[in-house]
């Protein structure tokens, strides 16, 4: 029974696609099925640059790039939590959408590092509760891997051509120029 549970957990953590756009759409579908939330945002963390870039903004408008200090208050608070942050009564302007009145927010961690943030909001106060917080806690790891694996795959795909260029470049630049 434990083996089946482990295999099920592993299968769920594998991405359905190694394309970032398709992975983001998959996250959107999963969140929409699990939570009745009209407002969803998935924000990617660009490591080494202290930059947050939106990858999914459903019914909200956020800046195209933000530093940690520029994140909406609820997202900024979620960056320092290990469990999803529940905001059943959200003050105007504290979420990703101005009209949001409740939300649940998760820091997405893959391979021991923060890879992004997920915001799920509603216009009704008190719409989200502890049950939603627990659901997001169970879903956050899967979302993090689903989102992060295509990013790593993209990096790996670019390594091959970069290595070839680095290997060939000295040969090209070290050869004398031949004139005809």
C-alpha atoms as a PDB file:
ATOM      1  CA  UNK A   1       0.000   0.000   0.000  1.00  0.00           C
ATOM      2  CA  UNK A   2       2.863   2.388   0.829  1.00  0.00           C
ATOM      3  CA  UNK A   3       4.473   1.601  -2.528  1.00  0.00           C
ATOM      4  CA  UNK A   4       1.268   2.435  -4.389  1.00  0.00           C
ATOM      5  CA  UNK A   5       1.006   5.710  -2.499  1.00  0.00           C
ATOM      6  CA  UNK A   6       4.614   6.547  -3.373  1.00  0.00           C
ATOM      7  CA  UNK A   7       4.144   5.657  -7.059  1.00  0.00           C
ATOM      8  CA  UNK A   8       0.961   7.714  -7.229  1.00  0.00           C
ATOM      9  CA  UNK A   9       2.770  10.659  -5.657  1.00  0.00           C
ATOM     10  CA  UNK A  10       5.646  10.353  -8.123  1.00  0.00           C
ATOM     11  CA  UNK A  11       3.333  10.063 -11.120  1.00  0.00           C
ATOM     12  CA  UNK A  12       1.438  13.160 -10.046  1.00  0.00           C
ATOM     13  CA  UNK A  13       4.670  15.130  -9.739  1.00  0.00           C
ATOM     14  CA  UNK A  14       5.733  14.448 -13.323  1.00  0.00           C
ATOM     15  CA  UNK A  15       4.799  17.231 -15.723  1.00  0.00           C
ATOM     16  CA  UNK A  16       2.400  16.461 -18.521  1.00  0.00           C
ATOM     17  CA  UNK A  17       4.449  18.672 -20.802  1.00  0.00           C
ATOM     18  CA  UNK A  18       7.992  19.986 -20.996  1.00  0.00           C
ATOM     19  CA  UNK A  19       6.727  23.174 -22.631  1.00  0.00           C
ATOM     20  CA  UNK A  20       6.441  26.107 -20.195  1.00  0.00           C
ATOM     21  CA  UNK A  21       3.285  27.508 -21.820  1.00  0.00           C
ATOM     22  CA  UNK A  22       1.553  24.123 -21.691  1.00  0.00           C
ATOM     23  CA  UNK A  23       2.690  23.599 -18.088  1.00  0.00           C
ATOM     24  CA  UNK A  24       1.250  26.987 -17.082  1.00  0.00           C
ATOM     25  CA  UNK A  25      -2.047  26.138 -18.797  1.00  0.00           C
ATOM     26  CA  UNK A  26      -2.062  22.824 -16.932  1.00  0.00           C
ATOM     27  CA  UNK A  27      -1.564  24.652 -13.635  1.00  0.00           C
ATOM     28  CA  UNK A  28      -4.417  26.996 -14.525  1.00  0.00           C
ATOM     29  CA  UNK A  29      -6.747  24.064 -15.268  1.00  0.00           C
ATOM     30  CA  UNK A  30      -5.784  22.238 -12.059  1.00  0.00           C
ATOM     31  CA  UNK A  31      -6.316  25.327  -9.903  1.00  0.00           C
ATOM     32  CA  UNK A  32      -9.620  26.126 -11.632  1.00  0.00           C
ATOM     33  CA  UNK A  33     -10.853  22.564 -11.011  1.00  0.00           C
ATOM     34  CA  UNK A  34      -9.743  22.515  -7.377  1.00  0.00           C
ATOM     35  CA  UNK A  35     -10.743  26.032  -6.305  1.00  0.00           C
ATOM     36  CA  UNK A  36     -13.644  28.136  -7.481  1.00  0.00           C
ATOM     37  CA  UNK A  37     -11.429  31.159  -7.963  1.00  0.00           C
ATOM     38  CA  UNK A  38     -11.872  33.804 -10.639  1.00  0.00           C
ATOM     39  CA  UNK A  39      -8.437  35.337  -9.961  1.00  0.00           C
ATOM     40  CA  UNK A  40      -5.247  33.315 -10.425  1.00  0.00           C
ATOM     41  CA  UNK A  41      -1.644  34.474 -10.720  1.00  0.00           C
ATOM     42  CA  UNK A  42       1.499  32.403 -11.187  1.00  0.00           C
ATOM     43  CA  UNK A  43       4.665  34.428 -10.699  1.00  0.00           C
ATOM     44  CA  UNK A  44       8.105  33.055 -11.606  1.00  0.00           C
ATOM     45  CA  UNK A  45      11.167  33.860  -9.516  1.00  0.00           C
ATOM     46  CA  UNK A  46      14.283  34.646 -11.545  1.00  0.00           C
ATOM     47  CA  UNK A  47      17.085  33.425  -9.334  1.00  0.00           C
ATOM     48  CA  UNK A  48      20.073  35.716  -8.903  1.00  0.00           C
ATOM     49  CA  UNK A  49      18.222  38.788 -10.126  1.00  0.00           C
ATOM     50  CA  UNK A  50      15.648  39.251  -7.316  1.00  0.00           C
ATOM     51  CA  UNK A  51      13.045  39.520 -10.047  1.00  0.00           C
ATOM     52  CA  UNK A  52       9.502  38.173 -10.163  1.00  0.00           C
ATOM     53  CA  UNK A  53       7.917  37.738 -13.605  1.00  0.00           C
ATOM     54  CA  UNK A  54       4.224  36.883 -14.103  1.00  0.00           C
ATOM     55  CA  UNK A  55       3.594  33.737 -16.171  1.00  0.00           C
ATOM     56  CA  UNK A  56      -0.176  33.578 -15.592  1.00  0.00           C
ATOM     57  CA  UNK A  57      -2.456  36.471 -14.710  1.00  0.00           C
ATOM     58  CA  UNK A  58      -6.085  35.448 -14.911  1.00  0.00           C
ATOM     59  CA  UNK A  59      -8.442  38.371 -14.156  1.00  0.00           C
ATOM     60  CA  UNK A  60      -5.693  40.482 -12.614  1.00  0.00           C
ATOM     61  CA  UNK A  61      -3.101  42.953 -13.790  1.00  0.00           C
ATOM     62  CA  UNK A  62       0.409  42.907 -12.366  1.00  0.00           C
ATOM     63  CA  UNK A  63       3.603  44.609 -13.407  1.00  0.00           C
ATOM     64  CA  UNK A  64       5.628  42.775 -16.092  1.00  0.00           C
ATOM     65  CA  UNK A  65       8.552  42.506 -13.689  1.00  0.00           C
ATOM     66  CA  UNK A  66       8.848  43.152  -9.952  1.00  0.00           C
ATOM     67  CA  UNK A  67      11.508  43.060  -7.284  1.00  0.00           C
ATOM     68  CA  UNK A  68      10.693  41.394  -3.966  1.00  0.00           C
ATOM     69  CA  UNK A  69       9.965  44.819  -2.502  1.00  0.00           C
ATOM     70  CA  UNK A  70       7.408  45.537  -5.235  1.00  0.00           C
ATOM     71  CA  UNK A  71       5.309  42.387  -4.782  1.00  0.00           C
ATOM     72  CA  UNK A  72       1.710  42.867  -3.604  1.00  0.00           C
ATOM     73  CA  UNK A  73       1.582  42.544   0.194  1.00  0.00           C
ATOM     74  CA  UNK A  74      -0.028  39.074   0.310  1.00  0.00           C
ATOM     75  CA  UNK A  75       2.523  37.649  -2.148  1.00  0.00           C
ATOM     76  CA  UNK A  76       5.405  39.269  -0.271  1.00  0.00           C
ATOM     77  CA  UNK A  77       4.192  37.625   2.942  1.00  0.00           C
ATOM     78  CA  UNK A  78       3.956  34.256   1.185  1.00  0.00           C
ATOM     79  CA  UNK A  79       7.638  34.377   0.205  1.00  0.00           C
ATOM     80  CA  UNK A  80       8.656  33.747   3.800  1.00  0.00           C
ATOM     81  CA  UNK A  81       6.164  31.005   4.694  1.00  0.00           C
ATOM     82  CA  UNK A  82       6.552  27.254   4.404  1.00  0.00           C
ATOM     83  CA  UNK A  83       2.804  26.632   4.280  1.00  0.00           C
ATOM     84  CA  UNK A  84       0.266  28.478   2.138  1.00  0.00           C
ATOM     85  CA  UNK A  85      -0.827  31.840   3.475  1.00  0.00           C
ATOM     86  CA  UNK A  86      -4.568  32.197   4.061  1.00  0.00           C
ATOM     87  CA  UNK A  87      -6.127  35.666   3.831  1.00  0.00           C
ATOM     88  CA  UNK A  88      -9.883  35.194   4.421  1.00  0.00           C
ATOM     89  CA  UNK A  89     -10.448  38.959   4.723  1.00  0.00           C
ATOM     90  CA  UNK A  90      -8.135  40.736   2.312  1.00  0.00           C
ATOM     91  CA  UNK A  91      -7.863  44.500   2.423  1.00  0.00           C
ATOM     92  CA  UNK A  92      -8.167  46.339  -0.908  1.00  0.00           C
ATOM     93  CA  UNK A  93      -4.868  46.502  -2.754  1.00  0.00           C
ATOM     94  CA  UNK A  94      -3.129  43.783  -0.718  1.00  0.00           C
ATOM     95  CA  UNK A  95      -3.683  41.011  -3.285  1.00  0.00           C
ATOM     96  CA  UNK A  96      -2.855  40.680  -6.961  1.00  0.00           C
ATOM     97  CA  UNK A  97      -6.270  42.053  -7.961  1.00  0.00           C
ATOM     98  CA  UNK A  98      -7.604  45.317  -6.573  1.00  0.00           C
ATOM     99  CA  UNK A  99     -11.096  43.824  -6.147  1.00  0.00           C
ATOM    100  CA  UNK A 100      -9.882  40.672  -4.334  1.00  0.00           C
ATOM    101  CA  UNK A 101     -11.318  40.284  -0.831  1.00  0.00           C
ATOM    102  CA  UNK A 102     -10.002  36.824   0.064  1.00  0.00           C
ATOM    103  CA  UNK A 103      -7.101  34.721  -1.084  1.00  0.00           C
ATOM    104  CA  UNK A 104      -4.699  31.897  -0.489  1.00  0.00           C
ATOM    105  CA  UNK A 105      -1.051  32.169  -1.530  1.00  0.00           C
ATOM    106  CA  UNK A 106       1.742  29.635  -1.831  1.00  0.00           C
ATOM    107  CA  UNK A 107       5.467  29.839  -2.276  1.00  0.00           C
ATOM    108  CA  UNK A 108       6.449  27.263  -4.883  1.00  0.00           C
ATOM    109  CA  UNK A 109       9.587  25.318  -4.006  1.00  0.00           C
ATOM    110  CA  UNK A 110      11.351  22.818  -6.273  1.00  0.00           C
ATOM    111  CA  UNK A 111      14.777  21.289  -5.764  1.00  0.00           C
ATOM    112  CA  UNK A 112      15.030  23.157  -2.451  1.00  0.00           C
ATOM    113  CA  UNK A 113      14.692  26.613  -4.040  1.00  0.00           C
ATOM    114  CA  UNK A 114      11.846  29.065  -4.512  1.00  0.00           C
ATOM    115  CA  UNK A 115      10.737  28.950  -8.154  1.00  0.00           C
ATOM    116  CA  UNK A 116       7.609  31.065  -7.922  1.00  0.00           C
ATOM    117  CA  UNK A 117       4.434  32.112  -6.180  1.00  0.00           C
ATOM    118  CA  UNK A 118       0.833  31.088  -6.730  1.00  0.00           C
ATOM    119  CA  UNK A 119      -2.009  33.447  -5.833  1.00  0.00           C
ATOM    120  CA  UNK A 120      -5.647  32.297  -5.781  1.00  0.00           C
ATOM    121  CA  UNK A 121      -8.161  35.039  -5.020  1.00  0.00           C
ATOM    122  CA  UNK A 122     -11.882  35.745  -4.929  1.00  0.00           C
ATOM    123  CA  UNK A 123     -13.940  38.916  -4.770  1.00  0.00           C
ATOM    124  CA  UNK A 124     -16.021  37.590  -1.853  1.00  0.00           C
ATOM    125  CA  UNK A 125     -14.645  38.055   1.678  1.00  0.00           C
ATOM    126  CA  UNK A 126     -14.321  34.789   3.585  1.00  0.00           C
ATOM    127  CA  UNK A 127     -14.490  32.694   0.408  1.00  0.00           C
ATOM    128  CA  UNK A 128     -11.334  30.759   1.319  1.00  0.00           C
ATOM    129  CA  UNK A 129     -10.731  28.895   4.561  1.00  0.00           C
ATOM    130  CA  UNK A 130      -8.480  26.331   6.204  1.00  0.00           C
ATOM    131  CA  UNK A 131      -9.712  23.595   3.852  1.00  0.00           C
ATOM    132  CA  UNK A 132      -8.464  25.631   0.864  1.00  0.00           C
ATOM    133  CA  UNK A 133      -5.190  26.268   2.650  1.00  0.00           C
ATOM    134  CA  UNK A 134      -4.716  22.493   3.170  1.00  0.00           C
ATOM    135  CA  UNK A 135      -5.665  21.785  -0.460  1.00  0.00           C
ATOM    136  CA  UNK A 136      -3.128  24.293  -1.704  1.00  0.00           C
ATOM    137  CA  UNK A 137      -0.485  22.837   0.612  1.00  0.00           C
ATOM    138  CA  UNK A 138      -0.984  19.461  -1.082  1.00  0.00           C
ATOM    139  CA  UNK A 139      -1.059  20.971  -4.551  1.00  0.00           C
ATOM    140  CA  UNK A 140       1.871  23.409  -4.206  1.00  0.00           C
ATOM    141  CA  UNK A 141       4.631  20.790  -4.606  1.00  0.00           C
ATOM    142  CA  UNK A 142       3.011  19.369  -7.732  1.00  0.00           C
ATOM    143  CA  UNK A 143       2.531  22.860  -9.184  1.00  0.00           C
ATOM    144  CA  UNK A 144       6.144  23.753  -8.397  1.00  0.00           C
ATOM    145  CA  UNK A 145       7.485  20.691 -10.238  1.00  0.00           C
ATOM    146  CA  UNK A 146       5.017  21.063 -13.102  1.00  0.00           C
ATOM    147  CA  UNK A 147       6.166  24.649 -13.504  1.00  0.00           C
ATOM    148  CA  UNK A 148       9.902  24.123 -12.864  1.00  0.00           C
ATOM    149  CA  UNK A 149      10.592  20.973 -14.919  1.00  0.00           C
ATOM    150  CA  UNK A 150       9.939  22.650 -18.304  1.00  0.00           C
ATOM    151  CA  UNK A 151      12.233  25.517 -17.277  1.00  0.00           C
ATOM    152  CA  UNK A 152      15.040  23.043 -16.546  1.00  0.00           C
ATOM    153  CA  UNK A 153      14.347  21.164 -19.759  1.00  0.00           C
ATOM    154  CA  UNK A 154      14.664  24.436 -21.692  1.00  0.00           C
ATOM    155  CA  UNK A 155      18.002  25.140 -20.020  1.00  0.00           C
ATOM    156  CA  UNK A 156      19.260  21.650 -20.867  1.00  0.00           C
ATOM    157  CA  UNK A 157      18.188  22.015 -24.499  1.00  0.00           C
ATOM    158  CA  UNK A 158      20.159  25.248 -24.800  1.00  0.00           C
ATOM    159  CA  UNK A 159      23.318  23.711 -23.283  1.00  0.00           C
ATOM    160  CA  UNK A 160      24.018  21.488 -26.303  1.00  0.00           C
ATOM    161  CA  UNK A 161      24.272  24.295 -28.869  1.00  0.00           C
ATOM    162  CA  UNK A 162      26.181  26.511 -26.401  1.00  0.00           C
ATOM    163  CA  UNK A 163      28.776  23.783 -25.817  1.00  0.00           C
ATOM    164  CA  UNK A 164      29.133  23.228 -29.572  1.00  0.00           C
ATOM    165  CA  UNK A 165      29.649  26.959 -30.176  1.00  0.00           C
ATOM    166  CA  UNK A 166      32.212  27.125 -27.360  1.00  0.00           C
ATOM    167  CA  UNK A 167      34.039  24.092 -28.774  1.00  0.00           C
ATOM    168  CA  UNK A 168      34.057  25.357 -32.375  1.00  0.00           C
ATOM    169  CA  UNK A 169      34.766  29.056 -31.681  1.00  0.00           C
ATOM    170  CA  UNK A 170      38.509  28.662 -30.948  1.00  0.00           C
ATOM    171  CA  UNK A 171      38.963  26.696 -34.180  1.00  0.00           C
ATOM    172  CA  UNK A 172      37.302  29.442 -36.178  1.00  0.00           C
ATOM    173  CA  UNK A 173      39.121  32.356 -34.560  1.00  0.00           C
ATOM    174  CA  UNK A 174      42.548  30.641 -34.481  1.00  0.00           C
ATOM    175  CA  UNK A 175      42.632  29.872 -38.201  1.00  0.00           C
ATOM    176  CA  UNK A 176      44.364  32.393 -40.404  1.00  0.00           C
ATOM    177  CA  UNK A 177      42.161  34.270 -42.774  1.00  0.00           C
ATOM    178  CA  UNK A 178      42.457  32.840 -46.250  1.00  0.00           C
ATOM    179  CA  UNK A 179      42.294  35.194 -49.177  1.00  0.00           C
ATOM    180  CA  UNK A 180      41.207  34.216 -52.623  1.00  0.00           C
END
